[in-house]
Amino acid sequence: MFIKDENRRAEEREWMGNKYLIHFFDYETNNKKYMIWGLTAGILIRAASIVYERPPPFVPFIT
């Protein structure tokens, strides 16, 4: 889920002159909806990239 571009959106933000992306993933289970975002989403993107040994099709962060 975290290396697919489905159910994902990102916002570019700036803080103290540095730009960064905040990722948001929509998740639904048992008729309940959840949003996984921010640091949690970033950690899960990185973990999924390592486990599946491939990068996501989207830009995970701004360099």
PDB file of N, CA and C in Angstrom:
ATOM      1  N   MET A   1       0.815  -1.197   0.000  1.00  0.00           N
ATOM      2  CA  MET A   1       0.000   0.000   0.000  1.00  0.00           C
ATOM      3  C   MET A   1       0.864   1.268   0.000  1.00  0.00           C
ATOM      4  N   PHE A   2       2.004   1.242   0.664  1.00  0.00           N
ATOM      5  CA  PHE A   2       2.779   2.464   0.847  1.00  0.00           C
ATOM      6  C   PHE A   2       3.811   2.725  -0.239  1.00  0.00           C
ATOM      7  N   ILE A   3       3.906   1.853  -1.239  1.00  0.00           N
ATOM      8  CA  ILE A   3       4.735   2.169  -2.401  1.00  0.00           C
ATOM      9  C   ILE A   3       3.876   2.210  -3.662  1.00  0.00           C
ATOM     10  N   LYS A   4       2.562   2.298  -3.478  1.00  0.00           N
ATOM     11  CA  LYS A   4       1.641   2.496  -4.592  1.00  0.00           C
ATOM     12  C   LYS A   4       1.143   3.940  -4.558  1.00  0.00           C
ATOM     13  N   ASP A   5       0.731   4.413  -5.717  1.00  0.00           N
ATOM     14  CA  ASP A   5       0.251   5.790  -5.796  1.00  0.00           C
ATOM     15  C   ASP A   5      -1.255   5.881  -5.568  1.00  0.00           C
ATOM     16  N   GLU A   6      -1.889   4.749  -5.275  1.00  0.00           N
ATOM     17  CA  GLU A   6      -3.330   4.722  -5.026  1.00  0.00           C
ATOM     18  C   GLU A   6      -3.611   5.180  -3.593  1.00  0.00           C
ATOM     19  N   ASN A   7      -4.713   5.851  -3.406  1.00  0.00           N
ATOM     20  CA  ASN A   7      -5.148   6.310  -2.078  1.00  0.00           C
ATOM     21  C   ASN A   7      -4.108   7.174  -1.375  1.00  0.00           C
ATOM     22  N   ARG A   8      -3.305   7.895  -2.175  1.00  0.00           N
ATOM     23  CA  ARG A   8      -2.244   8.724  -1.616  1.00  0.00           C
ATOM     24  C   ARG A   8      -2.345  10.135  -2.168  1.00  0.00           C
ATOM     25  N   ARG A   9      -2.005  11.080  -1.352  1.00  0.00           N
ATOM     26  CA  ARG A   9      -1.834  12.454  -1.803  1.00  0.00           C
ATOM     27  C   ARG A   9      -0.701  13.061  -0.988  1.00  0.00           C
ATOM     28  N   ALA A  10      -0.167  14.158  -1.468  1.00  0.00           N
ATOM     29  CA  ALA A  10       0.940  14.811  -0.761  1.00  0.00           C
ATOM     30  C   ALA A  10       0.760  16.315  -0.845  1.00  0.00           C
ATOM     31  N   GLU A  11       1.250  16.983   0.162  1.00  0.00           N
ATOM     32  CA  GLU A  11       1.246  18.443   0.197  1.00  0.00           C
ATOM     33  C   GLU A  11       2.679  18.916   0.403  1.00  0.00           C
ATOM     34  N   GLU A  12       3.048  19.929  -0.358  1.00  0.00           N
ATOM     35  CA  GLU A  12       4.365  20.527  -0.165  1.00  0.00           C
ATOM     36  C   GLU A  12       4.231  21.645   0.851  1.00  0.00           C
ATOM     37  N   ARG A  13       5.076  21.627   1.826  1.00  0.00           N
ATOM     38  CA  ARG A  13       5.069  22.650   2.885  1.00  0.00           C
ATOM     39  C   ARG A  13       6.463  23.254   2.994  1.00  0.00           C
ATOM     40  N   GLU A  14       6.521  24.359   3.689  1.00  0.00           N
ATOM     41  CA  GLU A  14       7.808  25.009   3.919  1.00  0.00           C
ATOM     42  C   GLU A  14       7.890  25.431   5.380  1.00  0.00           C
ATOM     43  N   TRP A  15       9.046  25.211   5.970  1.00  0.00           N
ATOM     44  CA  TRP A  15       9.285  25.617   7.348  1.00  0.00           C
ATOM     45  C   TRP A  15      10.715  26.111   7.456  1.00  0.00           C
ATOM     46  N   MET A  16      10.874  27.317   7.926  1.00  0.00           N
ATOM     47  CA  MET A  16      12.179  27.953   8.090  1.00  0.00           C
ATOM     48  C   MET A  16      13.006  27.895   6.799  1.00  0.00           C
ATOM     49  N   GLY A  17      12.342  28.104   5.672  1.00  0.00           N
ATOM     50  CA  GLY A  17      13.024  28.131   4.386  1.00  0.00           C
ATOM     51  C   GLY A  17      13.281  26.772   3.762  1.00  0.00           C
ATOM     52  N   ASN A  18      12.891  25.691   4.426  1.00  0.00           N
ATOM     53  CA  ASN A  18      13.089  24.339   3.896  1.00  0.00           C
ATOM     54  C   ASN A  18      11.757  23.771   3.420  1.00  0.00           C
ATOM     55  N   LYS A  19      11.755  23.229   2.213  1.00  0.00           N
ATOM     56  CA  LYS A  19      10.539  22.621   1.677  1.00  0.00           C
ATOM     57  C   LYS A  19      10.544  21.126   1.988  1.00  0.00           C
ATOM     58  N   TYR A  20       9.365  20.595   2.245  1.00  0.00           N
ATOM     59  CA  TYR A  20       9.225  19.166   2.511  1.00  0.00           C
ATOM     60  C   TYR A  20       7.840  18.700   2.079  1.00  0.00           C
ATOM     61  N   LEU A  21       7.685  17.401   1.913  1.00  0.00           N
ATOM     62  CA  LEU A  21       6.409  16.810   1.536  1.00  0.00           C
ATOM     63  C   LEU A  21       5.785  16.120   2.733  1.00  0.00           C
ATOM     64  N   ILE A  22       4.487  16.269   2.865  1.00  0.00           N
ATOM     65  CA  ILE A  22       3.721  15.495   3.832  1.00  0.00           C
ATOM     66  C   ILE A  22       2.837  14.558   3.024  1.00  0.00           C
ATOM     67  N   HIS A  23       2.973  13.262   3.262  1.00  0.00           N
ATOM     68  CA  HIS A  23       2.172  12.264   2.556  1.00  0.00           C
ATOM     69  C   HIS A  23       0.957  11.888   3.393  1.00  0.00           C
ATOM     70  N   PHE A  24      -0.145  11.616   2.698  1.00  0.00           N
ATOM     71  CA  PHE A  24      -1.402  11.196   3.319  1.00  0.00           C
ATOM     72  C   PHE A  24      -1.882   9.941   2.601  1.00  0.00           C
ATOM     73  N   PHE A  25      -2.201   8.895   3.347  1.00  0.00           N
ATOM     74  CA  PHE A  25      -2.775   7.669   2.790  1.00  0.00           C
ATOM     75  C   PHE A  25      -4.140   7.441   3.430  1.00  0.00           C
ATOM     76  N   ASP A  26      -5.135   7.182   2.588  1.00  0.00           N
ATOM     77  CA  ASP A  26      -6.470   6.849   3.084  1.00  0.00           C
ATOM     78  C   ASP A  26      -6.577   5.334   3.177  1.00  0.00           C
ATOM     79  N   TYR A  27      -7.054   4.858   4.300  1.00  0.00           N
ATOM     80  CA  TYR A  27      -7.142   3.419   4.562  1.00  0.00           C
ATOM     81  C   TYR A  27      -8.513   3.119   5.150  1.00  0.00           C
ATOM     82  N   GLU A  28      -9.138   2.053   4.656  1.00  0.00           N
ATOM     83  CA  GLU A  28     -10.455   1.672   5.162  1.00  0.00           C
ATOM     84  C   GLU A  28     -10.453   0.183   5.498  1.00  0.00           C
ATOM     85  N   THR A  29     -11.008  -0.149   6.667  1.00  0.00           N
ATOM     86  CA  THR A  29     -11.157  -1.530   7.090  1.00  0.00           C
ATOM     87  C   THR A  29     -12.367  -1.621   8.017  1.00  0.00           C
ATOM     88  N   ASN A  30     -13.113  -2.683   7.890  1.00  0.00           N
ATOM     89  CA  ASN A  30     -14.306  -2.894   8.717  1.00  0.00           C
ATOM     90  C   ASN A  30     -15.225  -1.674   8.731  1.00  0.00           C
ATOM     91  N   ASN A  31     -15.413  -1.076   7.563  1.00  0.00           N
ATOM     92  CA  ASN A  31     -16.273   0.101   7.400  1.00  0.00           C
ATOM     93  C   ASN A  31     -15.818   1.311   8.216  1.00  0.00           C
ATOM     94  N   LYS A  32     -14.567   1.341   8.596  1.00  0.00           N
ATOM     95  CA  LYS A  32     -13.995   2.492   9.290  1.00  0.00           C
ATOM     96  C   LYS A  32     -12.898   3.081   8.409  1.00  0.00           C
ATOM     97  N   LYS A  33     -12.844   4.403   8.362  1.00  0.00           N
ATOM     98  CA  LYS A  33     -11.855   5.088   7.542  1.00  0.00           C
ATOM     99  C   LYS A  33     -10.775   5.698   8.431  1.00  0.00           C
ATOM    100  N   TYR A  34      -9.547   5.570   7.967  1.00  0.00           N
ATOM    101  CA  TYR A  34      -8.400   6.106   8.687  1.00  0.00           C
ATOM    102  C   TYR A  34      -7.523   6.905   7.732  1.00  0.00           C
ATOM    103  N   MET A  35      -6.787   7.856   8.277  1.00  0.00           N
ATOM    104  CA  MET A  35      -5.805   8.589   7.498  1.00  0.00           C
ATOM    105  C   MET A  35      -4.452   8.378   8.154  1.00  0.00           C
ATOM    106  N   ILE A  36      -3.508   7.889   7.365  1.00  0.00           N
ATOM    107  CA  ILE A  36      -2.136   7.697   7.828  1.00  0.00           C
ATOM    108  C   ILE A  36      -1.331   8.809   7.160  1.00  0.00           C
ATOM    109  N   TRP A  37      -0.671   9.635   7.948  1.00  0.00           N
ATOM    110  CA  TRP A  37      -0.030  10.799   7.360  1.00  0.00           C
ATOM    111  C   TRP A  37       1.235  11.192   8.109  1.00  0.00           C
ATOM    112  N   GLY A  38       1.939  12.151   7.548  1.00  0.00           N
ATOM    113  CA  GLY A  38       3.099  12.741   8.194  1.00  0.00           C
ATOM    114  C   GLY A  38       4.254  11.782   8.414  1.00  0.00           C
ATOM    115  N   LEU A  39       4.832  11.846   9.598  1.00  0.00           N
ATOM    116  CA  LEU A  39       5.988  11.022   9.931  1.00  0.00           C
ATOM    117  C   LEU A  39       5.660   9.534   9.813  1.00  0.00           C
ATOM    118  N   THR A  40       4.485   9.132  10.261  1.00  0.00           N
ATOM    119  CA  THR A  40       4.083   7.725  10.168  1.00  0.00           C
ATOM    120  C   THR A  40       4.076   7.272   8.712  1.00  0.00           C
ATOM    121  N   ALA A  41       3.482   8.063   7.830  1.00  0.00           N
ATOM    122  CA  ALA A  41       3.446   7.724   6.403  1.00  0.00           C
ATOM    123  C   ALA A  41       4.861   7.654   5.837  1.00  0.00           C
ATOM    124  N   GLY A  42       5.712   8.596   6.206  1.00  0.00           N
ATOM    125  CA  GLY A  42       7.090   8.598   5.720  1.00  0.00           C
ATOM    126  C   GLY A  42       7.861   7.363   6.146  1.00  0.00           C
ATOM    127  N   ILE A  43       7.686   6.952   7.384  1.00  0.00           N
ATOM    128  CA  ILE A  43       8.355   5.740   7.881  1.00  0.00           C
ATOM    129  C   ILE A  43       7.851   4.515   7.133  1.00  0.00           C
ATOM    130  N   LEU A  44       6.548   4.441   6.904  1.00  0.00           N
ATOM    131  CA  LEU A  44       5.980   3.284   6.217  1.00  0.00           C
ATOM    132  C   LEU A  44       6.373   3.246   4.737  1.00  0.00           C
ATOM    133  N   ILE A  45       6.526   4.395   4.097  1.00  0.00           N
ATOM    134  CA  ILE A  45       7.020   4.439   2.712  1.00  0.00           C
ATOM    135  C   ILE A  45       8.433   3.874   2.669  1.00  0.00           C
ATOM    136  N   ARG A  46       9.266   4.320   3.581  1.00  0.00           N
ATOM    137  CA  ARG A  46      10.663   3.847   3.617  1.00  0.00           C
ATOM    138  C   ARG A  46      10.736   2.352   3.930  1.00  0.00           C
ATOM    139  N   ALA A  47       9.966   1.891   4.891  1.00  0.00           N
ATOM    140  CA  ALA A  47       9.965   0.471   5.249  1.00  0.00           C
ATOM    141  C   ALA A  47       9.491  -0.391   4.077  1.00  0.00           C
ATOM    142  N   ALA A  48       8.426   0.023   3.403  1.00  0.00           N
ATOM    143  CA  ALA A  48       7.914  -0.739   2.250  1.00  0.00           C
ATOM    144  C   ALA A  48       8.938  -0.764   1.125  1.00  0.00           C
ATOM    145  N   SER A  49       9.650   0.340   0.905  1.00  0.00           N
ATOM    146  CA  SER A  49      10.690   0.385  -0.126  1.00  0.00           C
ATOM    147  C   SER A  49      11.811  -0.607   0.169  1.00  0.00           C
ATOM    148  N   ILE A  50      12.167  -0.733   1.432  1.00  0.00           N
ATOM    149  CA  ILE A  50      13.219  -1.678   1.821  1.00  0.00           C
ATOM    150  C   ILE A  50      12.726  -3.116   1.681  1.00  0.00           C
ATOM    151  N   VAL A  51      11.536  -3.396   2.189  1.00  0.00           N
ATOM    152  CA  VAL A  51      11.000  -4.766   2.148  1.00  0.00           C
ATOM    153  C   VAL A  51      10.811  -5.250   0.708  1.00  0.00           C
ATOM    154  N   TYR A  52      10.240  -4.404  -0.139  1.00  0.00           N
ATOM    155  CA  TYR A  52       9.955  -4.811  -1.523  1.00  0.00           C
ATOM    156  C   TYR A  52      11.107  -4.510  -2.474  1.00  0.00           C
ATOM    157  N   GLU A  53      12.175  -3.934  -1.955  1.00  0.00           N
ATOM    158  CA  GLU A  53      13.394  -3.651  -2.712  1.00  0.00           C
ATOM    159  C   GLU A  53      13.125  -2.863  -3.992  1.00  0.00           C
ATOM    160  N   ARG A  54      12.274  -1.839  -3.868  1.00  0.00           N
ATOM    161  CA  ARG A  54      12.027  -0.946  -4.998  1.00  0.00           C
ATOM    162  C   ARG A  54      11.495   0.378  -4.473  1.00  0.00           C
ATOM    163  N   PRO A  55      11.784   1.431  -5.197  1.00  0.00           N
ATOM    164  CA  PRO A  55      11.295   2.750  -4.763  1.00  0.00           C
ATOM    165  C   PRO A  55       9.833   2.932  -5.154  1.00  0.00           C
ATOM    166  N   PRO A  56       9.139   3.850  -4.508  1.00  0.00           N
ATOM    167  CA  PRO A  56       7.765   4.132  -4.888  1.00  0.00           C
ATOM    168  C   PRO A  56       7.731   4.875  -6.233  1.00  0.00           C
ATOM    169  N   PRO A  57       6.615   4.852  -6.947  1.00  0.00           N
ATOM    170  CA  PRO A  57       6.516   5.556  -8.234  1.00  0.00           C
ATOM    171  C   PRO A  57       6.342   7.066  -8.078  1.00  0.00           C
ATOM    172  N   PHE A  58       6.288   7.553  -6.855  1.00  0.00           N
ATOM    173  CA  PHE A  58       6.140   8.970  -6.579  1.00  0.00           C
ATOM    174  C   PHE A  58       7.385   9.483  -5.859  1.00  0.00           C
ATOM    175  N   VAL A  59       7.521  10.775  -5.781  1.00  0.00           N
ATOM    176  CA  VAL A  59       8.657  11.385  -5.086  1.00  0.00           C
ATOM    177  C   VAL A  59       8.396  11.288  -3.583  1.00  0.00           C
ATOM    178  N   PRO A  60       9.203  10.532  -2.844  1.00  0.00           N
ATOM    179  CA  PRO A  60       8.954  10.370  -1.415  1.00  0.00           C
ATOM    180  C   PRO A  60       9.342  11.593  -0.575  1.00  0.00           C
ATOM    181  N   PHE A  61      10.285  12.405  -1.063  1.00  0.00           N
ATOM    182  CA  PHE A  61      10.692  13.595  -0.314  1.00  0.00           C
ATOM    183  C   PHE A  61      11.353  14.573  -1.281  1.00  0.00           C
ATOM    184  N   ILE A  62      11.479  15.801  -0.852  1.00  0.00           N
ATOM    185  CA  ILE A  62      12.129  16.838  -1.662  1.00  0.00           C
ATOM    186  C   ILE A  62      13.596  16.921  -1.244  1.00  0.00           C
ATOM    187  N   THR A  63      14.479  16.940  -2.238  1.00  0.00           N
ATOM    188  CA  THR A  63      15.899  17.045  -1.914  1.00  0.00           C
ATOM    189  C   THR A  63      16.394  18.448  -2.106  1.00  0.00           C
TER     190      THR A  63
END
